[in-house]
Amino acid sequence: MNIDSHCHLLPGVDDGVDSIEESLALLEEMKLKGLQRLYLTPHLFSPMSPSDPEQIVKRWNEYHFELNSHSVEVLLGSEIFFRPEILDVDLITMGGSDTVLLELPTQRRPHYLFEVIEKLQVKGLRIILAHVERYEYLFKKGGLFFGKQELTDDILRLRDMGILFQVNWNSLDKNPKTRVLINEGIAEIIGSDKHKSGDNRLFIDFHDDRCRFFLNDYYL
């Protein structure tokens, strides 16, 4: 099944689309690219785009019938901003499963990273890290060529803990971090991270041979 794991097409809850009309128009374009299942993953607890579970569920209840009327299965998830407080609240998982999509801070590794992840796993949650190519502290420059990206011990430790790594479709051609993740065989999940019309984020083209690198249909 052709699955997009990450987008912001639930109207009116974060920095994604503003209207159901825009959501449906984008969904039609995604369908033409071969999409069969879409996870809506609005920001949850993000300092940059505040929203809460009640607000998200209210919008989902309002729009889910319309969103599922276009021959694409649309499921609710969330992109949960990583902080210790998420251990104490009910989280919106991916389609009601035991899987959560987590967003890390981009510039500095949280000192509680492994502690919180281990506690989430004890709760029985499987973790996908969103757009891993953005987290500078999980990569280092090395090798014989200037600017070549290598993986840090931290990202290898996360892999060994069973964490899944999602990369954005838009990054495949231009981000060396994405290339090293694919070359090392640890970029399991692909997502568009589509926010709205004109945001320069490409739809996943499921007719593209590069989709073979990813295991969305196995994990999601």
N, C-alpha and C. Protein backbone atom coordinates (compact mmCIF):
# COMPACT_ATOMS: atom_id res chain seq x y z
N MET A 1 0.85 -1.20 0.00
CA MET A 1 0.00 0.00 0.00
C MET A 1 0.88 1.24 0.00
N ASN A 2 0.47 2.25 -0.74
CA ASN A 2 1.21 3.51 -0.84
C ASN A 2 0.76 4.47 0.26
N ILE A 3 1.65 4.72 1.22
CA ILE A 3 1.29 5.44 2.45
C ILE A 3 2.17 6.67 2.63
N ASP A 4 1.53 7.81 2.89
CA ASP A 4 2.23 9.02 3.30
C ASP A 4 2.06 9.14 4.81
N SER A 5 3.18 9.14 5.52
CA SER A 5 3.16 9.04 6.98
C SER A 5 3.05 10.38 7.70
N HIS A 6 3.12 11.50 6.97
CA HIS A 6 3.33 12.78 7.66
C HIS A 6 2.81 13.93 6.81
N CYS A 7 1.78 14.61 7.30
CA CYS A 7 1.30 15.81 6.61
C CYS A 7 0.49 16.65 7.59
N HIS A 8 0.15 17.85 7.16
CA HIS A 8 -0.56 18.81 8.01
C HIS A 8 -1.82 19.30 7.28
N LEU A 9 -2.65 18.34 6.88
CA LEU A 9 -3.84 18.65 6.09
C LEU A 9 -5.13 18.61 6.90
N LEU A 10 -5.04 18.52 8.22
CA LEU A 10 -6.24 18.68 9.05
C LEU A 10 -6.47 20.17 9.23
N PRO A 11 -7.59 20.69 8.76
CA PRO A 11 -7.75 22.15 8.71
C PRO A 11 -7.83 22.82 10.08
N GLY A 12 -7.18 23.97 10.17
CA GLY A 12 -7.42 24.88 11.28
C GLY A 12 -6.87 24.51 12.63
N VAL A 13 -5.81 23.67 12.67
CA VAL A 13 -5.27 23.30 13.98
C VAL A 13 -3.80 23.69 14.18
N ASP A 14 -3.07 23.88 13.10
CA ASP A 14 -1.65 24.23 13.25
C ASP A 14 -1.23 25.12 12.09
N ASP A 15 0.01 24.99 11.64
CA ASP A 15 0.49 25.82 10.53
C ASP A 15 0.25 25.18 9.17
N GLY A 16 -0.67 24.23 9.13
CA GLY A 16 -1.05 23.58 7.88
C GLY A 16 -2.20 24.29 7.20
N VAL A 17 -3.04 23.54 6.53
CA VAL A 17 -4.13 24.12 5.73
C VAL A 17 -5.14 24.83 6.63
N ASP A 18 -5.81 25.80 6.03
CA ASP A 18 -6.80 26.59 6.77
C ASP A 18 -8.23 26.12 6.55
N SER A 19 -8.48 25.39 5.44
CA SER A 19 -9.86 25.05 5.10
C SER A 19 -9.96 23.62 4.61
N ILE A 20 -11.15 23.05 4.74
CA ILE A 20 -11.38 21.70 4.24
C ILE A 20 -11.29 21.67 2.73
N GLU A 21 -11.64 22.77 2.08
CA GLU A 21 -11.55 22.82 0.62
C GLU A 21 -10.11 22.65 0.15
N GLU A 22 -9.19 23.32 0.85
CA GLU A 22 -7.77 23.18 0.50
C GLU A 22 -7.29 21.76 0.77
N SER A 23 -7.72 21.18 1.87
CA SER A 23 -7.34 19.79 2.18
C SER A 23 -7.78 18.84 1.08
N LEU A 24 -9.02 18.97 0.65
CA LEU A 24 -9.55 18.06 -0.35
C LEU A 24 -8.87 18.24 -1.69
N ALA A 25 -8.54 19.48 -2.04
CA ALA A 25 -7.84 19.73 -3.30
C ALA A 25 -6.45 19.09 -3.29
N LEU A 26 -5.74 19.22 -2.19
CA LEU A 26 -4.42 18.60 -2.08
C LEU A 26 -4.52 17.08 -2.06
N LEU A 27 -5.55 16.57 -1.42
CA LEU A 27 -5.75 15.12 -1.37
C LEU A 27 -5.96 14.56 -2.78
N GLU A 28 -6.69 15.28 -3.61
CA GLU A 28 -6.89 14.85 -4.99
C GLU A 28 -5.57 14.80 -5.75
N GLU A 29 -4.72 15.80 -5.54
CA GLU A 29 -3.41 15.80 -6.20
C GLU A 29 -2.55 14.65 -5.71
N MET A 30 -2.61 14.37 -4.42
CA MET A 30 -1.84 13.25 -3.87
C MET A 30 -2.31 11.92 -4.46
N LYS A 31 -3.61 11.80 -4.64
CA LYS A 31 -4.16 10.56 -5.20
C LYS A 31 -3.62 10.31 -6.61
N LEU A 32 -3.45 11.37 -7.37
CA LEU A 32 -2.91 11.22 -8.73
C LEU A 32 -1.47 10.72 -8.72
N LYS A 33 -0.77 10.93 -7.61
CA LYS A 33 0.61 10.44 -7.46
C LYS A 33 0.66 9.00 -6.94
N GLY A 34 -0.52 8.39 -6.75
CA GLY A 34 -0.56 7.00 -6.32
C GLY A 34 -0.86 6.78 -4.86
N LEU A 35 -1.17 7.84 -4.11
CA LEU A 35 -1.43 7.70 -2.67
C LEU A 35 -2.66 6.83 -2.41
N GLN A 36 -2.54 5.94 -1.40
CA GLN A 36 -3.67 5.10 -0.99
C GLN A 36 -4.05 5.30 0.48
N ARG A 37 -3.09 5.67 1.31
CA ARG A 37 -3.38 5.93 2.72
C ARG A 37 -2.59 7.16 3.17
N LEU A 38 -3.26 8.02 3.94
CA LEU A 38 -2.63 9.26 4.40
C LEU A 38 -2.85 9.42 5.90
N TYR A 39 -1.76 9.70 6.61
CA TYR A 39 -1.86 10.04 8.03
C TYR A 39 -1.81 11.55 8.19
N LEU A 40 -2.83 12.10 8.83
CA LEU A 40 -2.82 13.51 9.20
C LEU A 40 -2.07 13.63 10.51
N THR A 41 -1.02 14.45 10.53
CA THR A 41 -0.17 14.53 11.73
C THR A 41 0.02 15.99 12.16
N PRO A 42 -1.04 16.62 12.65
CA PRO A 42 -0.89 18.00 13.13
C PRO A 42 0.08 18.08 14.30
N HIS A 43 0.72 19.24 14.42
CA HIS A 43 1.63 19.46 15.54
C HIS A 43 0.89 19.33 16.87
N LEU A 44 1.53 18.65 17.80
CA LEU A 44 0.97 18.49 19.14
C LEU A 44 2.03 18.91 20.16
N PHE A 45 1.67 19.87 20.99
CA PHE A 45 2.56 20.41 22.03
C PHE A 45 3.79 21.14 21.47
N SER A 46 3.71 21.58 20.22
CA SER A 46 4.84 22.29 19.63
C SER A 46 4.86 23.74 20.09
N PRO A 47 6.02 24.26 20.51
CA PRO A 47 6.08 25.68 20.91
C PRO A 47 5.90 26.62 19.73
N MET A 48 6.15 26.13 18.51
CA MET A 48 6.04 26.98 17.33
C MET A 48 4.63 27.02 16.77
N SER A 49 3.84 25.99 17.05
CA SER A 49 2.49 25.90 16.50
C SER A 49 1.60 25.22 17.53
N PRO A 50 1.20 25.95 18.56
CA PRO A 50 0.49 25.33 19.69
C PRO A 50 -0.84 24.70 19.27
N SER A 51 -1.06 23.50 19.75
CA SER A 51 -2.36 22.84 19.62
C SER A 51 -2.44 21.78 20.71
N ASP A 52 -3.65 21.34 21.00
CA ASP A 52 -3.82 20.35 22.06
C ASP A 52 -4.67 19.20 21.54
N PRO A 53 -4.67 18.06 22.23
CA PRO A 53 -5.40 16.90 21.74
C PRO A 53 -6.88 17.15 21.54
N GLU A 54 -7.51 17.89 22.44
CA GLU A 54 -8.95 18.13 22.32
C GLU A 54 -9.28 18.90 21.05
N GLN A 55 -8.47 19.90 20.74
CA GLN A 55 -8.68 20.68 19.53
C GLN A 55 -8.51 19.82 18.28
N ILE A 56 -7.50 18.98 18.28
CA ILE A 56 -7.24 18.12 17.12
C ILE A 56 -8.38 17.12 16.93
N VAL A 57 -8.80 16.47 18.00
CA VAL A 57 -9.87 15.47 17.89
C VAL A 57 -11.18 16.13 17.46
N LYS A 58 -11.45 17.33 17.95
CA LYS A 58 -12.65 18.05 17.54
C LYS A 58 -12.66 18.30 16.04
N ARG A 59 -11.54 18.75 15.49
CA ARG A 59 -11.44 19.00 14.05
C ARG A 59 -11.55 17.70 13.26
N TRP A 60 -10.94 16.65 13.77
CA TRP A 60 -11.02 15.35 13.09
C TRP A 60 -12.46 14.86 13.04
N ASN A 61 -13.17 14.96 14.15
CA ASN A 61 -14.57 14.54 14.17
C ASN A 61 -15.42 15.36 13.21
N GLU A 62 -15.04 16.60 13.02
CA GLU A 62 -15.78 17.50 12.13
C GLU A 62 -15.57 17.15 10.66
N TYR A 63 -14.36 16.69 10.31
CA TYR A 63 -14.00 16.59 8.90
C TYR A 63 -13.70 15.19 8.39
N HIS A 64 -13.66 14.18 9.26
CA HIS A 64 -13.11 12.91 8.79
C HIS A 64 -13.97 12.23 7.74
N PHE A 65 -15.29 12.44 7.75
CA PHE A 65 -16.12 11.83 6.72
C PHE A 65 -15.80 12.41 5.35
N GLU A 66 -15.68 13.73 5.26
CA GLU A 66 -15.32 14.35 3.99
C GLU A 66 -13.94 13.92 3.52
N LEU A 67 -13.00 13.86 4.43
CA LEU A 67 -11.63 13.50 4.06
C LEU A 67 -11.52 12.07 3.56
N ASN A 68 -12.41 11.20 4.00
CA ASN A 68 -12.37 9.80 3.58
C ASN A 68 -13.31 9.50 2.42
N SER A 69 -13.74 10.52 1.71
CA SER A 69 -14.68 10.32 0.60
C SER A 69 -14.00 10.39 -0.76
N HIS A 70 -12.67 10.27 -0.81
CA HIS A 70 -11.94 10.48 -2.06
C HIS A 70 -11.08 9.28 -2.44
N SER A 71 -11.50 8.09 -2.08
CA SER A 71 -10.81 6.85 -2.45
C SER A 71 -9.40 6.76 -1.88
N VAL A 72 -9.12 7.55 -0.86
CA VAL A 72 -7.88 7.45 -0.10
C VAL A 72 -8.26 7.25 1.36
N GLU A 73 -7.63 6.28 2.02
CA GLU A 73 -7.88 6.07 3.44
C GLU A 73 -7.13 7.14 4.23
N VAL A 74 -7.85 7.94 5.00
CA VAL A 74 -7.25 9.02 5.78
C VAL A 74 -7.40 8.70 7.26
N LEU A 75 -6.27 8.70 7.97
CA LEU A 75 -6.25 8.36 9.39
C LEU A 75 -5.64 9.50 10.19
N LEU A 76 -6.02 9.58 11.45
CA LEU A 76 -5.51 10.63 12.32
C LEU A 76 -4.28 10.16 13.08
N GLY A 77 -3.27 11.00 13.09
CA GLY A 77 -2.11 10.83 13.95
C GLY A 77 -1.76 12.19 14.52
N SER A 78 -0.51 12.37 14.88
CA SER A 78 -0.04 13.68 15.32
C SER A 78 1.48 13.69 15.26
N GLU A 79 2.05 14.88 15.18
CA GLU A 79 3.50 15.07 15.26
C GLU A 79 3.78 15.68 16.63
N ILE A 80 4.25 14.84 17.53
CA ILE A 80 4.35 15.19 18.94
C ILE A 80 5.72 15.80 19.23
N PHE A 81 5.71 17.02 19.73
CA PHE A 81 6.98 17.66 20.06
C PHE A 81 7.57 17.02 21.31
N PHE A 82 8.84 16.69 21.22
CA PHE A 82 9.51 15.89 22.25
C PHE A 82 9.84 16.74 23.47
N ARG A 83 9.25 16.35 24.59
CA ARG A 83 9.52 16.99 25.89
C ARG A 83 9.12 16.01 26.99
N PRO A 84 9.66 16.14 28.18
CA PRO A 84 9.36 15.16 29.23
C PRO A 84 7.88 15.07 29.57
N GLU A 85 7.15 16.16 29.42
CA GLU A 85 5.73 16.19 29.80
C GLU A 85 4.87 15.21 29.00
N ILE A 86 5.35 14.77 27.83
CA ILE A 86 4.52 13.86 27.03
C ILE A 86 4.37 12.50 27.70
N LEU A 87 5.19 12.23 28.72
CA LEU A 87 5.05 10.98 29.46
C LEU A 87 3.79 10.95 30.31
N ASP A 88 3.22 12.11 30.59
CA ASP A 88 2.13 12.20 31.56
C ASP A 88 0.77 12.50 30.94
N VAL A 89 0.68 12.47 29.60
CA VAL A 89 -0.58 12.79 28.93
C VAL A 89 -0.92 11.70 27.93
N ASP A 90 -2.19 11.67 27.54
CA ASP A 90 -2.61 10.76 26.48
C ASP A 90 -2.18 11.34 25.14
N LEU A 91 -1.51 10.53 24.34
CA LEU A 91 -0.99 10.98 23.06
C LEU A 91 -1.87 10.49 21.92
N ILE A 92 -1.92 11.26 20.86
CA ILE A 92 -2.62 10.84 19.65
C ILE A 92 -1.66 10.00 18.83
N THR A 93 -1.92 8.72 18.75
CA THR A 93 -1.03 7.80 18.03
C THR A 93 -1.44 7.74 16.56
N MET A 94 -0.67 6.99 15.80
CA MET A 94 -0.89 6.89 14.36
C MET A 94 -2.05 5.93 14.08
N GLY A 95 -3.19 6.51 13.76
CA GLY A 95 -4.36 5.70 13.43
C GLY A 95 -4.86 4.86 14.58
N GLY A 96 -4.61 5.29 15.82
CA GLY A 96 -5.05 4.53 16.98
C GLY A 96 -4.19 3.32 17.29
N SER A 97 -3.02 3.24 16.67
CA SER A 97 -2.11 2.10 16.89
C SER A 97 -1.21 2.36 18.09
N ASP A 98 -0.15 1.57 18.21
CA ASP A 98 0.82 1.79 19.28
C ASP A 98 2.02 2.60 18.80
N THR A 99 1.90 3.24 17.64
CA THR A 99 3.01 3.98 17.03
C THR A 99 2.79 5.48 17.17
N VAL A 100 3.86 6.20 17.55
CA VAL A 100 3.79 7.66 17.64
C VAL A 100 4.88 8.28 16.78
N LEU A 101 4.56 9.46 16.24
CA LEU A 101 5.50 10.25 15.46
C LEU A 101 6.01 11.39 16.33
N LEU A 102 7.32 11.41 16.59
CA LEU A 102 7.92 12.42 17.47
C LEU A 102 8.79 13.38 16.68
N GLU A 103 8.68 14.65 17.04
CA GLU A 103 9.54 15.70 16.48
C GLU A 103 10.53 16.16 17.54
N LEU A 104 11.81 16.11 17.22
CA LEU A 104 12.84 16.57 18.13
C LEU A 104 13.17 18.05 17.88
N PRO A 105 13.77 18.73 18.84
CA PRO A 105 14.33 20.06 18.57
C PRO A 105 15.41 19.92 17.48
N THR A 106 15.55 20.95 16.65
CA THR A 106 16.44 20.82 15.51
C THR A 106 17.91 21.09 15.83
N GLN A 107 18.20 21.96 16.78
CA GLN A 107 19.56 22.44 16.95
C GLN A 107 20.34 21.77 18.09
N ARG A 108 19.67 21.36 19.13
CA ARG A 108 20.38 20.86 20.31
C ARG A 108 19.71 19.59 20.83
N ARG A 109 20.52 18.56 21.06
CA ARG A 109 19.96 17.31 21.55
C ARG A 109 19.46 17.49 22.98
N PRO A 110 18.21 17.11 23.26
CA PRO A 110 17.72 17.17 24.64
C PRO A 110 18.54 16.23 25.53
N HIS A 111 18.92 16.69 26.69
CA HIS A 111 19.72 15.84 27.58
C HIS A 111 18.93 14.64 28.09
N TYR A 112 17.61 14.72 28.00
CA TYR A 112 16.75 13.63 28.46
C TYR A 112 16.29 12.74 27.31
N LEU A 113 16.93 12.83 26.15
CA LEU A 113 16.48 12.12 24.95
C LEU A 113 16.27 10.64 25.21
N PHE A 114 17.29 9.95 25.64
CA PHE A 114 17.20 8.50 25.78
C PHE A 114 16.32 8.10 26.96
N GLU A 115 16.34 8.87 28.01
CA GLU A 115 15.51 8.57 29.18
C GLU A 115 14.03 8.59 28.82
N VAL A 116 13.59 9.63 28.12
CA VAL A 116 12.17 9.74 27.77
C VAL A 116 11.79 8.68 26.75
N ILE A 117 12.64 8.44 25.77
CA ILE A 117 12.34 7.42 24.78
C ILE A 117 12.20 6.05 25.43
N GLU A 118 13.08 5.72 26.34
CA GLU A 118 12.98 4.43 27.03
C GLU A 118 11.68 4.31 27.81
N LYS A 119 11.25 5.39 28.44
CA LYS A 119 10.00 5.36 29.20
C LYS A 119 8.79 5.23 28.28
N LEU A 120 8.85 5.86 27.11
CA LEU A 120 7.77 5.69 26.14
C LEU A 120 7.71 4.24 25.66
N GLN A 121 8.85 3.64 25.46
CA GLN A 121 8.87 2.25 25.03
C GLN A 121 8.34 1.32 26.11
N VAL A 122 8.63 1.62 27.37
CA VAL A 122 8.08 0.82 28.47
C VAL A 122 6.56 0.89 28.46
N LYS A 123 6.01 2.01 28.04
CA LYS A 123 4.56 2.15 27.92
C LYS A 123 3.99 1.34 26.75
N GLY A 124 4.87 0.75 25.94
CA GLY A 124 4.43 -0.07 24.81
C GLY A 124 4.33 0.68 23.50
N LEU A 125 4.92 1.85 23.42
CA LEU A 125 4.84 2.66 22.21
C LEU A 125 6.02 2.40 21.28
N ARG A 126 5.72 2.31 20.00
CA ARG A 126 6.76 2.26 18.97
C ARG A 126 6.95 3.67 18.43
N ILE A 127 8.20 4.08 18.26
CA ILE A 127 8.50 5.49 17.99
C ILE A 127 9.08 5.66 16.59
N ILE A 128 8.49 6.62 15.87
CA ILE A 128 9.06 7.12 14.62
C ILE A 128 9.56 8.53 14.88
N LEU A 129 10.79 8.82 14.52
CA LEU A 129 11.29 10.18 14.59
C LEU A 129 11.04 10.88 13.26
N ALA A 130 10.37 12.03 13.32
CA ALA A 130 10.00 12.77 12.12
C ALA A 130 11.21 13.48 11.52
N HIS A 131 11.22 13.55 10.20
CA HIS A 131 12.26 14.25 9.40
C HIS A 131 13.62 14.29 10.11
N VAL A 132 14.20 13.12 10.25
CA VAL A 132 15.46 12.95 10.99
C VAL A 132 16.59 13.75 10.36
N GLU A 133 16.51 13.99 9.06
CA GLU A 133 17.58 14.72 8.37
C GLU A 133 17.75 16.15 8.88
N ARG A 134 16.80 16.66 9.66
CA ARG A 134 16.89 18.03 10.18
C ARG A 134 17.71 18.15 11.46
N TYR A 135 17.99 17.06 12.12
CA TYR A 135 18.59 17.13 13.44
C TYR A 135 20.11 17.09 13.32
N GLU A 136 20.71 18.27 13.33
CA GLU A 136 22.14 18.41 13.07
C GLU A 136 22.98 17.57 14.02
N TYR A 137 22.56 17.45 15.26
CA TYR A 137 23.37 16.78 16.29
C TYR A 137 23.40 15.26 16.14
N LEU A 138 22.61 14.72 15.21
CA LEU A 138 22.65 13.28 14.97
C LEU A 138 23.61 12.91 13.84
N PHE A 139 24.28 13.92 13.28
CA PHE A 139 25.20 13.71 12.17
C PHE A 139 26.52 14.41 12.45
N LYS A 140 27.56 13.99 11.75
CA LYS A 140 28.86 14.64 11.86
C LYS A 140 29.51 14.63 10.48
N LYS A 141 30.38 15.59 10.26
CA LYS A 141 31.12 15.64 9.00
C LYS A 141 32.39 14.83 9.14
N GLY A 142 32.70 14.06 8.09
CA GLY A 142 33.88 13.22 8.17
C GLY A 142 34.21 12.61 6.83
N GLY A 143 35.05 11.64 6.83
CA GLY A 143 35.44 10.98 5.60
C GLY A 143 36.51 11.74 4.85
N LEU A 144 36.81 11.29 3.65
CA LEU A 144 37.86 11.89 2.84
C LEU A 144 37.40 13.13 2.10
N PHE A 145 36.09 13.31 1.99
CA PHE A 145 35.56 14.41 1.20
C PHE A 145 34.95 15.45 2.13
N PHE A 146 35.25 16.70 1.86
CA PHE A 146 34.73 17.80 2.69
C PHE A 146 33.21 17.78 2.69
N GLY A 147 32.66 17.86 3.87
CA GLY A 147 31.21 17.96 3.99
C GLY A 147 30.47 16.64 3.97
N LYS A 148 31.19 15.52 3.80
CA LYS A 148 30.51 14.23 3.83
C LYS A 148 29.87 14.01 5.19
N GLN A 149 28.62 13.53 5.18
CA GLN A 149 27.90 13.32 6.42
C GLN A 149 28.09 11.89 6.92
N GLU A 150 28.29 11.76 8.21
CA GLU A 150 28.35 10.45 8.85
C GLU A 150 27.40 10.44 10.04
N LEU A 151 27.06 9.25 10.48
CA LEU A 151 26.14 9.09 11.59
C LEU A 151 26.88 9.17 12.92
N THR A 152 26.26 9.78 13.91
CA THR A 152 26.85 9.84 15.24
C THR A 152 26.50 8.58 16.04
N ASP A 153 27.18 8.41 17.16
CA ASP A 153 26.86 7.29 18.04
C ASP A 153 25.42 7.40 18.56
N ASP A 154 24.93 8.62 18.72
CA ASP A 154 23.57 8.80 19.23
C ASP A 154 22.53 8.21 18.28
N ILE A 155 22.66 8.48 16.99
CA ILE A 155 21.66 7.97 16.06
C ILE A 155 21.78 6.45 15.92
N LEU A 156 22.99 5.93 16.02
CA LEU A 156 23.16 4.48 15.99
C LEU A 156 22.56 3.84 17.23
N ARG A 157 22.67 4.51 18.36
CA ARG A 157 22.05 4.00 19.59
C ARG A 157 20.53 4.00 19.44
N LEU A 158 19.98 5.06 18.87
CA LEU A 158 18.53 5.10 18.64
C LEU A 158 18.09 3.97 17.73
N ARG A 159 18.85 3.73 16.68
CA ARG A 159 18.53 2.61 15.78
C ARG A 159 18.53 1.29 16.55
N ASP A 160 19.54 1.09 17.38
CA ASP A 160 19.64 -0.16 18.13
C ASP A 160 18.51 -0.32 19.15
N MET A 161 17.90 0.80 19.54
CA MET A 161 16.76 0.77 20.45
C MET A 161 15.45 0.45 19.72
N GLY A 162 15.52 0.34 18.39
CA GLY A 162 14.32 0.04 17.62
C GLY A 162 13.56 1.25 17.14
N ILE A 163 14.17 2.43 17.24
CA ILE A 163 13.51 3.65 16.76
C ILE A 163 13.50 3.63 15.24
N LEU A 164 12.37 4.05 14.66
CA LEU A 164 12.24 4.16 13.20
C LEU A 164 12.51 5.60 12.79
N PHE A 165 13.10 5.76 11.61
CA PHE A 165 13.47 7.09 11.13
C PHE A 165 12.66 7.44 9.88
N GLN A 166 11.98 8.59 9.95
CA GLN A 166 11.23 9.11 8.81
C GLN A 166 12.00 10.26 8.17
N VAL A 167 12.06 10.26 6.85
CA VAL A 167 12.65 11.38 6.12
C VAL A 167 11.59 11.99 5.21
N ASN A 168 11.80 13.26 4.85
CA ASN A 168 10.86 13.95 3.97
C ASN A 168 11.21 13.70 2.51
N TRP A 169 10.17 13.49 1.72
CA TRP A 169 10.35 13.26 0.28
C TRP A 169 11.13 14.40 -0.36
N ASN A 170 10.85 15.61 0.07
CA ASN A 170 11.49 16.79 -0.51
C ASN A 170 13.01 16.78 -0.32
N SER A 171 13.51 15.99 0.62
CA SER A 171 14.94 16.00 0.94
C SER A 171 15.74 14.97 0.15
N LEU A 172 15.08 14.11 -0.62
CA LEU A 172 15.80 13.00 -1.25
C LEU A 172 16.88 13.48 -2.21
N ASP A 173 16.59 14.54 -2.97
CA ASP A 173 17.53 14.98 -4.00
C ASP A 173 18.62 15.91 -3.48
N LYS A 174 18.37 16.58 -2.36
CA LYS A 174 19.27 17.69 -2.03
C LYS A 174 19.88 17.64 -0.63
N ASN A 175 19.53 16.67 0.18
CA ASN A 175 20.04 16.67 1.55
C ASN A 175 21.02 15.52 1.75
N PRO A 176 22.30 15.82 1.99
CA PRO A 176 23.28 14.73 2.18
C PRO A 176 22.99 13.87 3.40
N LYS A 177 22.31 14.42 4.39
CA LYS A 177 21.96 13.61 5.56
C LYS A 177 20.95 12.53 5.19
N THR A 178 20.00 12.89 4.33
CA THR A 178 19.04 11.89 3.86
C THR A 178 19.75 10.80 3.08
N ARG A 179 20.70 11.17 2.27
CA ARG A 179 21.42 10.18 1.47
C ARG A 179 22.17 9.19 2.35
N VAL A 180 22.81 9.69 3.41
CA VAL A 180 23.55 8.75 4.26
C VAL A 180 22.59 7.84 5.02
N LEU A 181 21.44 8.34 5.42
CA LEU A 181 20.44 7.50 6.08
C LEU A 181 19.97 6.38 5.16
N ILE A 182 19.73 6.72 3.89
CA ILE A 182 19.29 5.71 2.93
C ILE A 182 20.42 4.73 2.64
N ASN A 183 21.62 5.25 2.44
CA ASN A 183 22.76 4.38 2.14
C ASN A 183 23.05 3.40 3.28
N GLU A 184 22.80 3.84 4.52
CA GLU A 184 23.02 2.97 5.68
C GLU A 184 21.81 2.06 5.96
N GLY A 185 20.75 2.25 5.18
CA GLY A 185 19.58 1.39 5.31
C GLY A 185 18.75 1.62 6.55
N ILE A 186 18.78 2.86 7.08
CA ILE A 186 18.03 3.11 8.32
C ILE A 186 16.97 4.21 8.16
N ALA A 187 16.66 4.58 6.93
CA ALA A 187 15.53 5.50 6.69
C ALA A 187 14.35 4.64 6.25
N GLU A 188 13.55 4.20 7.22
CA GLU A 188 12.49 3.22 6.91
C GLU A 188 11.21 3.86 6.41
N ILE A 189 10.95 5.11 6.80
CA ILE A 189 9.65 5.73 6.58
C ILE A 189 9.81 6.99 5.75
N ILE A 190 8.91 7.18 4.78
CA ILE A 190 8.91 8.40 3.97
C ILE A 190 7.61 9.17 4.24
N GLY A 191 7.72 10.49 4.23
CA GLY A 191 6.54 11.34 4.39
C GLY A 191 6.71 12.60 3.56
N SER A 192 5.60 13.21 3.19
CA SER A 192 5.68 14.46 2.42
C SER A 192 5.87 15.67 3.32
N ASP A 193 5.34 15.61 4.54
CA ASP A 193 5.30 16.78 5.43
C ASP A 193 4.61 17.95 4.75
N LYS A 194 3.65 17.64 3.89
CA LYS A 194 2.93 18.70 3.17
C LYS A 194 2.11 19.51 4.16
N HIS A 195 2.23 20.84 4.06
CA HIS A 195 1.51 21.74 4.95
C HIS A 195 0.34 22.43 4.26
N LYS A 196 0.61 22.99 3.08
CA LYS A 196 -0.45 23.73 2.39
C LYS A 196 -0.04 23.96 0.94
N SER A 197 -0.97 24.47 0.15
CA SER A 197 -0.67 24.79 -1.24
C SER A 197 0.46 25.81 -1.31
N GLY A 198 1.39 25.60 -2.23
CA GLY A 198 2.45 26.56 -2.44
C GLY A 198 3.55 26.56 -1.41
N ASP A 199 3.66 25.51 -0.60
CA ASP A 199 4.70 25.49 0.44
C ASP A 199 6.02 24.88 -0.04
N ASN A 200 6.08 24.53 -1.32
CA ASN A 200 7.30 23.97 -1.94
C ASN A 200 7.66 22.58 -1.43
N ARG A 201 6.77 21.95 -0.68
CA ARG A 201 6.99 20.56 -0.30
C ARG A 201 6.31 19.68 -1.34
N LEU A 202 7.06 18.77 -1.91
CA LEU A 202 6.55 17.95 -3.00
C LEU A 202 5.68 16.82 -2.45
N PHE A 203 4.67 16.44 -3.24
CA PHE A 203 3.93 15.22 -2.95
C PHE A 203 4.84 14.02 -3.18
N ILE A 204 4.65 12.97 -2.41
CA ILE A 204 5.35 11.72 -2.70
C ILE A 204 4.84 11.18 -4.02
N ASP A 205 5.75 10.89 -4.94
CA ASP A 205 5.38 10.27 -6.21
C ASP A 205 5.58 8.76 -6.07
N PHE A 206 4.50 8.06 -5.86
CA PHE A 206 4.60 6.63 -5.60
C PHE A 206 4.92 5.83 -6.87
N HIS A 207 4.99 6.52 -8.02
CA HIS A 207 5.45 5.87 -9.24
C HIS A 207 6.97 5.94 -9.37
N ASP A 208 7.60 6.68 -8.50
CA ASP A 208 9.06 6.86 -8.50
C ASP A 208 9.72 5.61 -7.91
N ASP A 209 10.74 5.12 -8.58
CA ASP A 209 11.39 3.89 -8.16
C ASP A 209 12.05 4.01 -6.78
N ARG A 210 12.33 5.23 -6.33
CA ARG A 210 12.98 5.40 -5.02
C ARG A 210 12.08 5.01 -3.86
N CYS A 211 10.80 4.87 -4.11
CA CYS A 211 9.89 4.43 -3.04
C CYS A 211 10.24 3.03 -2.53
N ARG A 212 10.99 2.30 -3.32
CA ARG A 212 11.36 0.94 -2.89
C ARG A 212 12.26 0.94 -1.66
N PHE A 213 12.89 2.08 -1.37
CA PHE A 213 13.78 2.17 -0.21
C PHE A 213 13.02 2.12 1.11
N PHE A 214 11.71 2.36 1.09
CA PHE A 214 10.98 2.63 2.33
C PHE A 214 9.97 1.52 2.64
N LEU A 215 9.63 1.41 3.93
CA LEU A 215 8.81 0.30 4.43
C LEU A 215 7.54 0.80 5.11
N ASN A 216 6.97 1.88 4.58
CA ASN A 216 5.75 2.43 5.18
C ASN A 216 4.67 1.39 5.33
N ASP A 217 4.48 0.57 4.29
CA ASP A 217 3.38 -0.39 4.32
C ASP A 217 3.62 -1.51 5.32
N TYR A 218 4.87 -1.72 5.74
CA TYR A 218 5.16 -2.73 6.76
C TYR A 218 4.90 -2.18 8.16
N TYR A 219 5.30 -0.95 8.41
CA TYR A 219 5.20 -0.38 9.76
C TYR A 219 3.90 0.38 10.00
N LEU A 220 3.23 0.82 8.93
CA LEU A 220 2.04 1.66 9.09
C LEU A 220 0.83 1.05 8.40
